[in-house]
Amino acid sequence: MKKLMIMLAVIIGALSANARDNYSHNAADLPMSAQTILKNNFKAKVNHFKIEKDFGKIKEYDVILTDGTEVTFDSHGNWKDIEVKMKSAVPSALIPQEILSYVKLNQKNTKIIGIEKKRGGYEVELSNGVEMKFNSEGKFLRYDD
């Protein structure tokens, strides 16, 4: 029984050591699709990023660019969340056209400074502090508190 407990402790210790998050400054460590998104849509370069792991498997990549932009990618390199500094805007190529059109029509003179993909749609943050929710097709649902 004692050997079994020791063996179990060793296995749990090995798994938790393997599950630790890693950090990198090398954009080549990101999935190719994430590298392509960053290269095609952002002028700033990768400053550093954290590779989040869950039970030893990569869960997501939290990337910080040299201009302070933060982009989170899933394990396959698809963006999940983008936040830019107040003076910037999320690249329009990464925002569904329906959301861009709605914001342009209903929130004039604002920029989208944050967008997050959620299970049922998108959450958008504007430069005027307004937060909005859209469904997965980009249809406006409501303003968020």
C-alpha atoms as a PDB file:
ATOM      1  CA  MET A   1       0.000   0.000   0.000  1.00  0.00           C
ATOM      2  CA  LYS A   2       2.849   2.356   0.852  1.00  0.00           C
ATOM      3  CA  LYS A   3       4.517   1.663  -2.514  1.00  0.00           C
ATOM      4  CA  LEU A   4       1.256   2.408  -4.309  1.00  0.00           C
ATOM      5  CA  MET A   5       0.919   5.759  -2.538  1.00  0.00           C
ATOM      6  CA  ILE A   6       4.522   6.697  -3.329  1.00  0.00           C
ATOM      7  CA  MET A   7       4.072   5.667  -6.964  1.00  0.00           C
ATOM      8  CA  LEU A   8       0.875   7.724  -7.200  1.00  0.00           C
ATOM      9  CA  ALA A   9       2.622  10.762  -5.693  1.00  0.00           C
ATOM     10  CA  VAL A  10       5.481  10.428  -8.203  1.00  0.00           C
ATOM     11  CA  ILE A  11       3.048  10.213 -11.139  1.00  0.00           C
ATOM     12  CA  ILE A  12       1.066  13.236  -9.953  1.00  0.00           C
ATOM     13  CA  GLY A  13       4.288  15.174  -9.434  1.00  0.00           C
ATOM     14  CA  ALA A  14       5.519  14.307 -12.918  1.00  0.00           C
ATOM     15  CA  LEU A  15       2.213  15.319 -14.494  1.00  0.00           C
ATOM     16  CA  SER A  16       2.092  18.644 -12.670  1.00  0.00           C
ATOM     17  CA  ALA A  17       5.700  19.412 -13.616  1.00  0.00           C
ATOM     18  CA  ASN A  18       4.850  18.688 -17.249  1.00  0.00           C
ATOM     19  CA  ALA A  19       1.691  20.840 -17.049  1.00  0.00           C
ATOM     20  CA  ARG A  20       3.518  24.068 -16.147  1.00  0.00           C
ATOM     21  CA  ASP A  21       2.998  27.080 -18.369  1.00  0.00           C
ATOM     22  CA  ASN A  22       5.952  28.087 -20.547  1.00  0.00           C
ATOM     23  CA  TYR A  23       7.050  31.476 -21.839  1.00  0.00           C
ATOM     24  CA  SER A  24       8.707  32.376 -25.112  1.00  0.00           C
ATOM     25  CA  HIS A  25       9.905  35.382 -27.106  1.00  0.00           C
ATOM     26  CA  ASN A  26      10.168  33.447 -30.360  1.00  0.00           C
ATOM     27  CA  ALA A  27       7.111  33.863 -32.630  1.00  0.00           C
ATOM     28  CA  ALA A  28       8.159  30.663 -34.426  1.00  0.00           C
ATOM     29  CA  ASP A  29       6.976  28.755 -31.332  1.00  0.00           C
ATOM     30  CA  LEU A  30       3.382  29.760 -32.143  1.00  0.00           C
ATOM     31  CA  PRO A  31       1.160  27.669 -34.447  1.00  0.00           C
ATOM     32  CA  MET A  32       1.535  28.684 -38.103  1.00  0.00           C
ATOM     33  CA  SER A  33      -2.018  30.097 -38.288  1.00  0.00           C
ATOM     34  CA  ALA A  34      -1.313  32.384 -35.304  1.00  0.00           C
ATOM     35  CA  GLN A  35       1.939  33.523 -36.922  1.00  0.00           C
ATOM     36  CA  THR A  36       0.050  34.324 -40.138  1.00  0.00           C
ATOM     37  CA  ILE A  37      -2.654  36.317 -38.302  1.00  0.00           C
ATOM     38  CA  LEU A  38      -0.036  38.356 -36.463  1.00  0.00           C
ATOM     39  CA  LYS A  39       2.089  38.960 -39.559  1.00  0.00           C
ATOM     40  CA  ASN A  40      -0.850  39.976 -41.781  1.00  0.00           C
ATOM     41  CA  ASN A  41      -2.763  42.150 -39.312  1.00  0.00           C
ATOM     42  CA  PHE A  42      -0.384  43.769 -36.829  1.00  0.00           C
ATOM     43  CA  LYS A  43       2.614  46.036 -37.354  1.00  0.00           C
ATOM     44  CA  ALA A  44       4.080  45.336 -33.923  1.00  0.00           C
ATOM     45  CA  LYS A  45       6.181  42.239 -33.344  1.00  0.00           C
ATOM     46  CA  VAL A  46       5.805  39.584 -30.678  1.00  0.00           C
ATOM     47  CA  ASN A  47       7.330  40.753 -27.415  1.00  0.00           C
ATOM     48  CA  HIS A  48       6.613  37.553 -25.491  1.00  0.00           C
ATOM     49  CA  PHE A  49       3.880  35.014 -24.893  1.00  0.00           C
ATOM     50  CA  LYS A  50       2.746  32.428 -22.416  1.00  0.00           C
ATOM     51  CA  ILE A  51       1.854  28.907 -23.480  1.00  0.00           C
ATOM     52  CA  GLU A  52      -0.904  27.820 -21.102  1.00  0.00           C
ATOM     53  CA  LYS A  53      -1.160  24.116 -20.503  1.00  0.00           C
ATOM     54  CA  ASP A  54      -3.835  21.987 -18.926  1.00  0.00           C
ATOM     55  CA  PHE A  55      -2.750  18.495 -17.879  1.00  0.00           C
ATOM     56  CA  GLY A  56       0.260  18.725 -20.162  1.00  0.00           C
ATOM     57  CA  LYS A  57      -1.701  19.711 -23.285  1.00  0.00           C
ATOM     58  CA  ILE A  58      -1.510  23.201 -24.742  1.00  0.00           C
ATOM     59  CA  LYS A  59      -4.697  25.096 -23.956  1.00  0.00           C
ATOM     60  CA  GLU A  60      -3.928  28.542 -25.375  1.00  0.00           C
ATOM     61  CA  TYR A  61      -1.276  31.114 -26.213  1.00  0.00           C
ATOM     62  CA  ASP A  62      -1.400  34.560 -24.567  1.00  0.00           C
ATOM     63  CA  VAL A  63       0.622  36.854 -26.842  1.00  0.00           C
ATOM     64  CA  ILE A  64       1.774  40.386 -26.022  1.00  0.00           C
ATOM     65  CA  LEU A  65       3.062  42.510 -28.885  1.00  0.00           C
ATOM     66  CA  THR A  66       5.655  45.277 -28.585  1.00  0.00           C
ATOM     67  CA  ASP A  67       2.918  47.965 -28.773  1.00  0.00           C
ATOM     68  CA  GLY A  68       0.996  46.444 -25.851  1.00  0.00           C
ATOM     69  CA  THR A  69      -1.622  44.642 -27.959  1.00  0.00           C
ATOM     70  CA  GLU A  70      -2.756  41.375 -26.409  1.00  0.00           C
ATOM     71  CA  VAL A  71      -3.981  38.466 -28.529  1.00  0.00           C
ATOM     72  CA  THR A  72      -5.090  35.103 -27.200  1.00  0.00           C
ATOM     73  CA  PHE A  73      -5.035  32.090 -29.513  1.00  0.00           C
ATOM     74  CA  ASP A  74      -6.461  28.624 -28.949  1.00  0.00           C
ATOM     75  CA  SER A  75      -4.237  25.552 -29.219  1.00  0.00           C
ATOM     76  CA  HIS A  76      -4.699  25.497 -33.017  1.00  0.00           C
ATOM     77  CA  GLY A  77      -3.744  29.149 -33.534  1.00  0.00           C
ATOM     78  CA  ASN A  78      -7.253  30.611 -33.954  1.00  0.00           C
ATOM     79  CA  TRP A  79      -7.691  33.961 -32.227  1.00  0.00           C
ATOM     80  CA  LYS A  80      -9.998  34.012 -29.209  1.00  0.00           C
ATOM     81  CA  ASP A  81      -9.507  37.494 -27.795  1.00  0.00           C
ATOM     82  CA  ILE A  82      -7.894  40.717 -29.044  1.00  0.00           C
ATOM     83  CA  GLU A  83      -7.278  43.847 -26.987  1.00  0.00           C
ATOM     84  CA  VAL A  84      -5.472  46.907 -28.296  1.00  0.00           C
ATOM     85  CA  LYS A  85      -4.440  50.174 -26.662  1.00  0.00           C
ATOM     86  CA  MET A  86      -7.018  52.996 -26.631  1.00  0.00           C
ATOM     87  CA  LYS A  87      -5.354  54.894 -29.498  1.00  0.00           C
ATOM     88  CA  SER A  88      -5.461  51.829 -31.769  1.00  0.00           C
ATOM     89  CA  ALA A  89      -8.232  49.672 -33.171  1.00  0.00           C
ATOM     90  CA  VAL A  90      -8.644  45.943 -33.693  1.00  0.00           C
ATOM     91  CA  PRO A  91      -7.764  45.250 -37.348  1.00  0.00           C
ATOM     92  CA  SER A  92     -11.014  45.259 -39.331  1.00  0.00           C
ATOM     93  CA  ALA A  93      -9.968  42.115 -41.219  1.00  0.00           C
ATOM     94  CA  LEU A  94     -10.387  40.168 -37.959  1.00  0.00           C
ATOM     95  CA  ILE A  95     -13.879  41.494 -37.168  1.00  0.00           C
ATOM     96  CA  PRO A  96     -16.991  39.993 -38.790  1.00  0.00           C
ATOM     97  CA  GLN A  97     -18.416  42.424 -41.364  1.00  0.00           C
ATOM     98  CA  GLU A  98     -21.840  42.491 -39.683  1.00  0.00           C
ATOM     99  CA  ILE A  99     -20.290  43.723 -36.433  1.00  0.00           C
ATOM    100  CA  LEU A 100     -18.210  46.358 -38.226  1.00  0.00           C
ATOM    101  CA  SER A 101     -21.281  47.650 -40.051  1.00  0.00           C
ATOM    102  CA  TYR A 102     -23.411  47.762 -36.905  1.00  0.00           C
ATOM    103  CA  VAL A 103     -20.784  49.627 -34.906  1.00  0.00           C
ATOM    104  CA  LYS A 104     -20.123  52.082 -37.730  1.00  0.00           C
ATOM    105  CA  LEU A 105     -23.848  52.861 -38.051  1.00  0.00           C
ATOM    106  CA  ASN A 106     -24.786  52.947 -34.362  1.00  0.00           C
ATOM    107  CA  GLN A 107     -21.620  54.056 -32.566  1.00  0.00           C
ATOM    108  CA  LYS A 108     -20.153  56.742 -34.803  1.00  0.00           C
ATOM    109  CA  ASN A 109     -16.674  58.066 -34.065  1.00  0.00           C
ATOM    110  CA  THR A 110     -15.676  55.039 -32.011  1.00  0.00           C
ATOM    111  CA  LYS A 111     -13.166  52.264 -32.561  1.00  0.00           C
ATOM    112  CA  ILE A 112     -13.332  48.624 -31.593  1.00  0.00           C
ATOM    113  CA  ILE A 113     -10.551  48.197 -29.052  1.00  0.00           C
ATOM    114  CA  GLY A 114     -11.455  44.702 -27.923  1.00  0.00           C
ATOM    115  CA  ILE A 115     -13.227  41.672 -29.310  1.00  0.00           C
ATOM    116  CA  GLU A 116     -13.648  38.239 -27.799  1.00  0.00           C
ATOM    117  CA  LYS A 117     -15.109  35.105 -29.352  1.00  0.00           C
ATOM    118  CA  LYS A 118     -17.467  33.392 -26.958  1.00  0.00           C
ATOM    119  CA  ARG A 119     -19.380  30.156 -27.286  1.00  0.00           C
ATOM    120  CA  GLY A 120     -22.567  31.922 -28.473  1.00  0.00           C
ATOM    121  CA  GLY A 121     -21.048  34.886 -30.273  1.00  0.00           C
ATOM    122  CA  TYR A 122     -18.852  37.920 -29.683  1.00  0.00           C
ATOM    123  CA  GLU A 123     -18.246  40.535 -27.013  1.00  0.00           C
ATOM    124  CA  VAL A 124     -17.023  43.876 -28.324  1.00  0.00           C
ATOM    125  CA  GLU A 125     -15.515  46.806 -26.408  1.00  0.00           C
ATOM    126  CA  LEU A 126     -15.511  50.271 -27.952  1.00  0.00           C
ATOM    127  CA  SER A 127     -13.180  53.207 -27.388  1.00  0.00           C
ATOM    128  CA  ASN A 128     -16.011  55.123 -25.652  1.00  0.00           C
ATOM    129  CA  GLY A 129     -16.303  52.394 -22.988  1.00  0.00           C
ATOM    130  CA  VAL A 130     -19.460  50.811 -24.413  1.00  0.00           C
ATOM    131  CA  GLU A 131     -19.570  47.021 -24.448  1.00  0.00           C
ATOM    132  CA  MET A 132     -21.793  45.116 -26.853  1.00  0.00           C
ATOM    133  CA  LYS A 133     -22.793  41.510 -27.433  1.00  0.00           C
ATOM    134  CA  PHE A 134     -23.379  39.917 -30.831  1.00  0.00           C
ATOM    135  CA  ASN A 135     -24.468  36.409 -31.766  1.00  0.00           C
ATOM    136  CA  SER A 136     -22.250  34.040 -33.745  1.00  0.00           C
ATOM    137  CA  GLU A 137     -23.583  35.467 -37.043  1.00  0.00           C
ATOM    138  CA  GLY A 138     -22.654  39.005 -35.960  1.00  0.00           C
ATOM    139  CA  LYS A 139     -26.211  40.164 -35.196  1.00  0.00           C
ATOM    140  CA  PHE A 140     -26.476  42.696 -32.369  1.00  0.00           C
ATOM    141  CA  LEU A 141     -27.980  41.259 -29.173  1.00  0.00           C
ATOM    142  CA  ARG A 142     -27.590  43.899 -26.469  1.00  0.00           C
ATOM    143  CA  TYR A 143     -25.425  46.419 -24.723  1.00  0.00           C
ATOM    144  CA  ASP A 144     -23.516  44.984 -21.799  1.00  0.00           C
ATOM    145  CA  ASP A 145     -23.065  46.537 -18.363  1.00  0.00           C
END
